[in-house]
Every structure is written in structure tokens, then in C-alpha cells.
C-alpha atoms as a PDB file:
ATOM      1  CA  MET A   1     -23.405  -2.359 -28.607  1.00  0.00           C
ATOM      2  CA  SER A   2     -25.146  -2.590 -31.975  1.00  0.00           C
ATOM      3  CA  ASP A   3     -28.802  -2.221 -32.538  1.00  0.00           C
ATOM      4  CA  VAL A   4     -30.627  -5.443 -33.299  1.00  0.00           C
ATOM      5  CA  ARG A   5     -32.986  -3.469 -35.569  1.00  0.00           C
ATOM      6  CA  ALA A   6     -30.039  -2.577 -37.731  1.00  0.00           C
ATOM      7  CA  MET A   7     -28.846  -6.075 -37.843  1.00  0.00           C
ATOM      8  CA  LEU A   8     -32.245  -7.267 -39.039  1.00  0.00           C
ATOM      9  CA  ALA A   9     -32.466  -4.344 -41.396  1.00  0.00           C
ATOM     10  CA  CYS A  10     -29.137  -5.552 -43.086  1.00  0.00           C
ATOM     11  CA  LEU A  11     -30.569  -9.158 -43.364  1.00  0.00           C
ATOM     12  CA  ALA A  12     -33.707  -7.907 -44.854  1.00  0.00           C
ATOM     13  CA  ASN A  13     -31.779  -6.180 -47.736  1.00  0.00           C
ATOM     14  CA  GLU A  14     -31.127  -8.978 -50.331  1.00  0.00           C
ATOM     15  CA  GLU A  15     -27.752  -7.620 -51.469  1.00  0.00           C
ATOM     16  CA  VAL A  16     -26.329  -7.152 -47.965  1.00  0.00           C
ATOM     17  CA  ALA A  17     -27.651 -10.568 -46.908  1.00  0.00           C
ATOM     18  CA  ARG A  18     -26.010 -12.307 -49.861  1.00  0.00           C
ATOM     19  CA  LEU A  19     -22.658 -10.651 -48.925  1.00  0.00           C
ATOM     20  CA  PHE A  20     -23.068 -11.419 -45.283  1.00  0.00           C
ATOM     21  CA  ALA A  21     -23.906 -15.047 -46.183  1.00  0.00           C
ATOM     22  CA  SER A  22     -20.767 -15.394 -48.359  1.00  0.00           C
ATOM     23  CA  LEU A  23     -18.677 -13.912 -45.555  1.00  0.00           C
ATOM     24  CA  VAL A  24     -20.018 -16.278 -42.922  1.00  0.00           C
ATOM     25  CA  LEU A  25     -19.575 -19.330 -45.185  1.00  0.00           C
ATOM     26  CA  ALA A  26     -16.046 -18.152 -45.832  1.00  0.00           C
ATOM     27  CA  ASN A  27     -16.558 -18.204 -49.629  1.00  0.00           C
ATOM     28  CA  GLY A  28     -15.152 -14.930 -50.065  1.00  0.00           C
ATOM     29  CA  PRO A  29     -17.194 -11.810 -51.130  1.00  0.00           C
ATOM     30  CA  GLU A  30     -20.290 -12.002 -53.235  1.00  0.00           C
ATOM     31  CA  GLN A  31     -19.305 -11.991 -56.852  1.00  0.00           C
ATOM     32  CA  SER A  32     -22.435 -10.680 -58.554  1.00  0.00           C
ATOM     33  CA  LEU A  33     -22.101  -7.167 -56.788  1.00  0.00           C
ATOM     34  CA  SER A  34     -20.263  -4.342 -58.069  1.00  0.00           C
ATOM     35  CA  PRO A  35     -17.288  -3.032 -56.087  1.00  0.00           C
ATOM     36  CA  ALA A  36     -19.104   0.072 -55.139  1.00  0.00           C
ATOM     37  CA  ARG A  37     -22.076  -1.958 -53.989  1.00  0.00           C
ATOM     38  CA  LYS A  38     -20.017  -4.526 -52.197  1.00  0.00           C
ATOM     39  CA  GLU A  39     -18.113  -1.681 -50.427  1.00  0.00           C
ATOM     40  CA  LYS A  40     -21.419  -0.206 -49.378  1.00  0.00           C
ATOM     41  CA  ALA A  41     -22.996  -3.517 -48.238  1.00  0.00           C
ATOM     42  CA  MET A  42     -19.797  -4.303 -46.164  1.00  0.00           C
ATOM     43  CA  ARG A  43     -20.110  -0.905 -44.488  1.00  0.00           C
ATOM     44  CA  SER A  44     -23.748  -1.644 -43.608  1.00  0.00           C
ATOM     45  CA  LEU A  45     -22.690  -5.080 -42.119  1.00  0.00           C
ATOM     46  CA  VAL A  46     -19.897  -3.500 -40.112  1.00  0.00           C
ATOM     47  CA  GLN A  47     -22.066  -0.566 -38.903  1.00  0.00           C
ATOM     48  CA  SER A  48     -24.768  -2.885 -37.937  1.00  0.00           C
ATOM     49  CA  GLY A  49     -22.504  -5.060 -35.846  1.00  0.00           C
ATOM     50  CA  LEU A  50     -23.113  -8.320 -37.815  1.00  0.00           C
ATOM     51  CA  ILE A  51     -19.516  -8.367 -39.088  1.00  0.00           C
ATOM     52  CA  THR A  52     -16.265  -7.237 -37.576  1.00  0.00           C
ATOM     53  CA  THR A  53     -12.913  -6.705 -39.278  1.00  0.00           C
ATOM     54  CA  ASP A  54      -9.622  -6.984 -37.766  1.00  0.00           C
ATOM     55  CA  ASP A  55      -6.280  -5.178 -38.557  1.00  0.00           C
ATOM     56  CA  SER A  56      -5.685  -7.360 -41.564  1.00  0.00           C
ATOM     57  CA  ALA A  57      -9.045  -6.376 -42.996  1.00  0.00           C
ATOM     58  CA  ALA A  58     -10.278  -9.951 -42.584  1.00  0.00           C
ATOM     59  CA  SER A  59     -14.049  -9.971 -41.960  1.00  0.00           C
ATOM     60  CA  ARG A  60     -15.796 -12.346 -39.554  1.00  0.00           C
ATOM     61  CA  LEU A  61     -19.102 -12.888 -37.923  1.00  0.00           C
ATOM     62  CA  ASN A  62     -19.403 -10.777 -34.795  1.00  0.00           C
ATOM     63  CA  VAL A  63     -21.041 -13.220 -32.368  1.00  0.00           C
ATOM     64  CA  VAL A  64     -20.264 -11.278 -29.301  1.00  0.00           C
ATOM     65  CA  GLU A  65     -22.183  -8.162 -30.649  1.00  0.00           C
ATOM     66  CA  ILE A  66     -25.013 -10.331 -32.084  1.00  0.00           C
ATOM     67  CA  ARG A  67     -25.422 -11.957 -28.656  1.00  0.00           C
ATOM     68  CA  ALA A  68     -25.342  -8.575 -26.911  1.00  0.00           C
ATOM     69  CA  ALA A  69     -28.093  -7.205 -29.210  1.00  0.00           C
ATOM     70  CA  LEU A  70     -30.381 -10.295 -28.791  1.00  0.00           C
ATOM     71  CA  ALA A  71     -30.093 -10.006 -25.066  1.00  0.00           C
ATOM     72  CA  ALA A  72     -30.874  -6.335 -25.188  1.00  0.00           C
ATOM     73  CA  LEU A  73     -33.890  -7.219 -27.376  1.00  0.00           C
ATOM     74  CA  ARG A  74     -35.107  -9.931 -24.853  1.00  0.00           C
ATOM     75  CA  SER A  75     -34.925  -7.219 -22.050  1.00  0.00           C
ATOM     76  CA  ALA A  76     -36.699  -4.695 -24.192  1.00  0.00           C
ATOM     77  CA  THR A  77     -39.750  -6.780 -24.557  1.00  0.00           C
ATOM     78  CA  SER A  78     -40.600  -6.210 -20.863  1.00  0.00           C
ATOM     79  CA  ASP A  79     -40.231  -2.447 -21.220  1.00  0.00           C
ATOM     80  CA  GLY A  80     -43.897  -1.641 -21.929  1.00  0.00           C
ATOM     81  CA  ALA A  81     -43.621  -1.605 -25.665  1.00  0.00           C
ATOM     82  CA  SER A  82     -44.680  -5.270 -26.070  1.00  0.00           C
ATOM     83  CA  PRO A  83     -48.532  -4.554 -26.373  1.00  0.00           C
ATOM     84  CA  TRP A  84     -47.888  -2.549 -29.414  1.00  0.00           C
ATOM     85  CA  LEU A  85     -45.546  -5.201 -31.008  1.00  0.00           C
ATOM     86  CA  ASP A  86     -46.023  -8.600 -32.420  1.00  0.00           C
ATOM     87  CA  GLU A  87     -44.007 -11.635 -31.421  1.00  0.00           C
ATOM     88  CA  ASN A  88     -41.399 -10.639 -34.099  1.00  0.00           C
ATOM     89  CA  GLY A  89     -40.916  -7.199 -32.654  1.00  0.00           C
ATOM     90  CA  ARG A  90     -42.949  -5.440 -35.476  1.00  0.00           C
ATOM     91  CA  ILE A  91     -45.571  -2.812 -35.051  1.00  0.00           C
ATOM     92  CA  LYS A  92     -49.051  -4.311 -34.823  1.00  0.00           C
ATOM     93  CA  ARG A  93     -50.589  -1.101 -33.877  1.00  0.00           C
ATOM     94  CA  PHE A  94     -49.908   2.404 -32.458  1.00  0.00           C
ATOM     95  CA  PRO A  95     -51.004   3.499 -29.001  1.00  0.00           C
ATOM     96  CA  ARG A  96     -54.135   5.675 -29.103  1.00  0.00           C
ATOM     97  CA  ARG A  97     -53.334   7.914 -26.117  1.00  0.00           C
ATOM     98  CA  PRO A  98     -50.935  10.695 -26.981  1.00  0.00           C
ATOM     99  CA  ALA A  99     -48.547  10.100 -24.036  1.00  0.00           C
ATOM    100  CA  GLU A 100     -48.362   6.334 -24.717  1.00  0.00           C
ATOM    101  CA  ARG A 101     -47.766   7.011 -28.411  1.00  0.00           C
ATOM    102  CA  ALA A 102     -44.902   9.603 -27.588  1.00  0.00           C
ATOM    103  CA  GLU A 103     -43.412   7.135 -25.248  1.00  0.00           C
ATOM    104  CA  PHE A 104     -43.684   4.202 -27.736  1.00  0.00           C
ATOM    105  CA  LEU A 105     -42.142   6.302 -30.656  1.00  0.00           C
ATOM    106  CA  GLU A 106     -39.336   7.557 -28.499  1.00  0.00           C
ATOM    107  CA  LYS A 107     -38.338   3.835 -27.647  1.00  0.00           C
ATOM    108  CA  LEU A 108     -38.474   3.010 -31.439  1.00  0.00           C
ATOM    109  CA  GLY A 109     -36.392   6.017 -32.172  1.00  0.00           C
ATOM    110  CA  VAL A 110     -33.695   5.003 -29.696  1.00  0.00           C
ATOM    111  CA  GLN A 111     -33.765   1.576 -31.323  1.00  0.00           C
ATOM    112  CA  VAL A 112     -33.518   2.848 -34.939  1.00  0.00           C
ATOM    113  CA  VAL A 113     -30.946   5.752 -34.822  1.00  0.00           C
ATOM    114  CA  ARG A 114     -27.935   6.188 -32.397  1.00  0.00           C
ATOM    115  CA  THR A 115     -27.478   9.340 -30.549  1.00  0.00           C
ATOM    116  CA  ARG A 116     -25.375  11.887 -32.793  1.00  0.00           C
ATOM    117  CA  GLU A 117     -25.809   9.521 -35.830  1.00  0.00           C
ATOM    118  CA  ARG A 118     -26.952  11.048 -39.065  1.00  0.00           C
ATOM    119  CA  ILE A 119     -28.384   8.792 -41.630  1.00  0.00           C
ATOM    120  CA  SER A 120     -29.811   9.006 -45.014  1.00  0.00           C
ATOM    121  CA  GLU A 121     -33.479   8.542 -45.812  1.00  0.00           C
ATOM    122  CA  SER A 122     -32.748   5.180 -47.520  1.00  0.00           C
ATOM    123  CA  GLU A 123     -30.802   3.809 -44.424  1.00  0.00           C
ATOM    124  CA  LEU A 124     -33.568   5.038 -42.224  1.00  0.00           C
ATOM    125  CA  ASN A 125     -36.118   3.275 -44.533  1.00  0.00           C
ATOM    126  CA  ASP A 126     -34.062  -0.025 -44.449  1.00  0.00           C
ATOM    127  CA  ARG A 127     -34.128   0.276 -40.479  1.00  0.00           C
ATOM    128  CA  LEU A 128     -37.736   0.940 -40.357  1.00  0.00           C
ATOM    129  CA  ALA A 129     -38.512  -1.948 -42.645  1.00  0.00           C
ATOM    130  CA  SER A 130     -37.631  -4.281 -39.659  1.00  0.00           C
ATOM    131  CA  LEU A 131     -40.388  -2.694 -37.638  1.00  0.00           C
ATOM    132  CA  THR A 132     -43.157  -2.079 -40.183  1.00  0.00           C
ATOM    133  CA  ASP A 133     -44.551  -2.370 -43.781  1.00  0.00           C
ATOM    134  CA  ASP A 134     -45.809   1.125 -43.610  1.00  0.00           C
ATOM    135  CA  ILE A 135     -42.447   2.831 -43.685  1.00  0.00           C
ATOM    136  CA  PRO A 136     -43.536   6.355 -44.719  1.00  0.00           C
ATOM    137  CA  THR A 137     -46.213   6.480 -41.761  1.00  0.00           C
ATOM    138  CA  LEU A 138     -43.733   5.512 -39.119  1.00  0.00           C
ATOM    139  CA  ARG A 139     -41.041   7.842 -40.504  1.00  0.00           C
ATOM    140  CA  ARG A 140     -43.551  10.670 -40.484  1.00  0.00           C
ATOM    141  CA  TYR A 141     -44.633   9.850 -36.830  1.00  0.00           C
ATOM    142  CA  LEU A 142     -41.037   9.828 -35.740  1.00  0.00           C
ATOM    143  CA  VAL A 143     -40.518  13.328 -37.105  1.00  0.00           C
ATOM    144  CA  VAL A 144     -43.902  14.844 -36.263  1.00  0.00           C
ATOM    145  CA  HIS A 145     -43.552  13.580 -32.701  1.00  0.00           C
ATOM    146  CA  GLY A 146     -40.169  15.155 -32.220  1.00  0.00           C
ATOM    147  CA  VAL A 147     -38.375  11.802 -31.922  1.00  0.00           C
ATOM    148  CA  LEU A 148     -36.232  12.403 -35.123  1.00  0.00           C
ATOM    149  CA  ASP A 149     -35.281  15.569 -36.925  1.00  0.00           C
ATOM    150  CA  ARG A 150     -34.483  15.823 -40.761  1.00  0.00           C
ATOM    151  CA  SER A 151     -32.814  18.057 -43.127  1.00  0.00           C
ATOM    152  CA  VAL A 152     -35.110  20.543 -44.915  1.00  0.00           C
ATOM    153  CA  ASP A 153     -34.566  18.477 -48.199  1.00  0.00           C
ATOM    154  CA  GLY A 154     -35.489  15.293 -46.352  1.00  0.00           C
ATOM    155  CA  SER A 155     -32.089  13.593 -47.377  1.00  0.00           C
ATOM    156  CA  SER A 156     -30.922  12.953 -43.807  1.00  0.00           C
ATOM    157  CA  TYR A 157     -32.197  12.067 -40.398  1.00  0.00           C
ATOM    158  CA  TRP A 158     -30.939  12.083 -36.835  1.00  0.00           C
ATOM    159  CA  ARG A 159     -32.107  11.713 -33.268  1.00  0.00           C
ATOM    160  CA  ALA A 160     -33.863  14.813 -31.962  1.00  0.00           C
ATOM    161  CA  ALA A 161     -32.788  16.221 -28.671  1.00  0.00           C
ATOM    162  CA  THR A 162     -34.283  19.297 -26.987  1.00  0.00           C
ATOM    163  CA  ALA A 163     -31.130  21.237 -26.886  1.00  0.00           C
ATOM    164  CA  GLU A 164     -30.302  20.428 -30.601  1.00  0.00           C
ATOM    165  CA  ARG A 165     -33.767  21.411 -31.745  1.00  0.00           C
ATOM    166  CA  GLY A 166     -33.494  24.656 -29.918  1.00  0.00           C
ATOM    167  CA  GLU A 167     -30.138  25.374 -31.393  1.00  0.00           C
ATOM    168  CA  SER A 168     -30.627  24.077 -34.963  1.00  0.00           C
ATOM    169  CA  GLY A 169     -33.126  25.744 -37.467  1.00  0.00           C
ATOM    170  CA  SER A 170     -32.345  23.081 -40.085  1.00  0.00           C
ATOM    171  CA  SER A 171     -35.160  20.687 -39.321  1.00  0.00           C
ATOM    172  CA  ASP A 172     -38.393  20.560 -41.051  1.00  0.00           C
ATOM    173  CA  ARG A 173     -41.462  18.881 -39.337  1.00  0.00           C
ATOM    174  CA  ARG A 174     -44.081  19.906 -41.912  1.00  0.00           C
ATOM    175  CA  GLY A 175     -44.368  17.190 -44.645  1.00  0.00           C
ATOM    176  CA  VAL A 176     -42.435  14.004 -44.398  1.00  0.00           C
END
């Protein structure tokens, strides 16, 4: 199942949203994008679950995946995160108590990055944009609290796992 946050992040990106709209309206691919940008936007749409392609490479709206993601979002609003989120699922404030903050950040990390998925900083920022306007703070919290790990140069991020952190010396939690 795709993550609704990834879907929303795609729709928040103007280039990706234009391509998405052109595909949904069956007008063909967006003409103002270069081939490289169009390919990147298409990958984002497919990875997010908004669009699916068949064997003939035809693209179409992935209604089943979108409905599943929305159902998951509805059930997630009753998981204890709702006091910290507004009605649109965006962060309105962070919990003060360390244990509550750690639990809240862990839930956000699960929504933002899939297990064993490694993403670029710009992709992470796109996904975090659906949760907050203060992307650097949220990104830093996720790393400092051990929810995400990052490469030493900060170019890629992945979900942290206790066993992975113990084995890998490639993460850097100092400055994000």
C-alpha cells in the first residue's frame, strides 16, 4: 500500500501535479516539461501510488491504491497522533514530553519513509512538506531522535532500525 503522505507530496509539487493532471485528463503527458523532468515526475507518481502503468506502458489513475491510502489515513487519525496534527494532517505542535515526542516522531517516520527505502534529501523534503512548513526542523528531529538515519554528507535518508544502526557506522546524527 502506498503512503498518502507521498501522494500529497506529489500533488504539492507543481511539475508533478501538472503531469498528474494531464494523465488523469487523458490529454497526454505535460508538454512544458523536459524529457528528463517528465521521467522524474512520472517515477514520483508511480512510486507514490497515484499512477499505475500496465504492460503496454499506459498510465492511469491508481484508484485502488488511493482509496487504500485514504482508508489508512482515516484509521491513523485515531492512533494518538491527532492531538498534534490539525484537521489536514499537518503538524500543529510537537509533544513536550520526550516519550510522547519519540512516539509521535516514530509514527511520522513510518508514514514518510518505507522500510528499507533510501531517498534523497530533496525527496524527503517533498514528503515532509505535506506535514509542516518547517521542513528543516522536522527533518532534524527525525534524525536526532533516531527515527531516520542519513548518509554522512546528508544526501540520502532511510528509516533507522536498531540493528541497522548497530551495524552501520555511516549515519551522522550531529548536524542536520
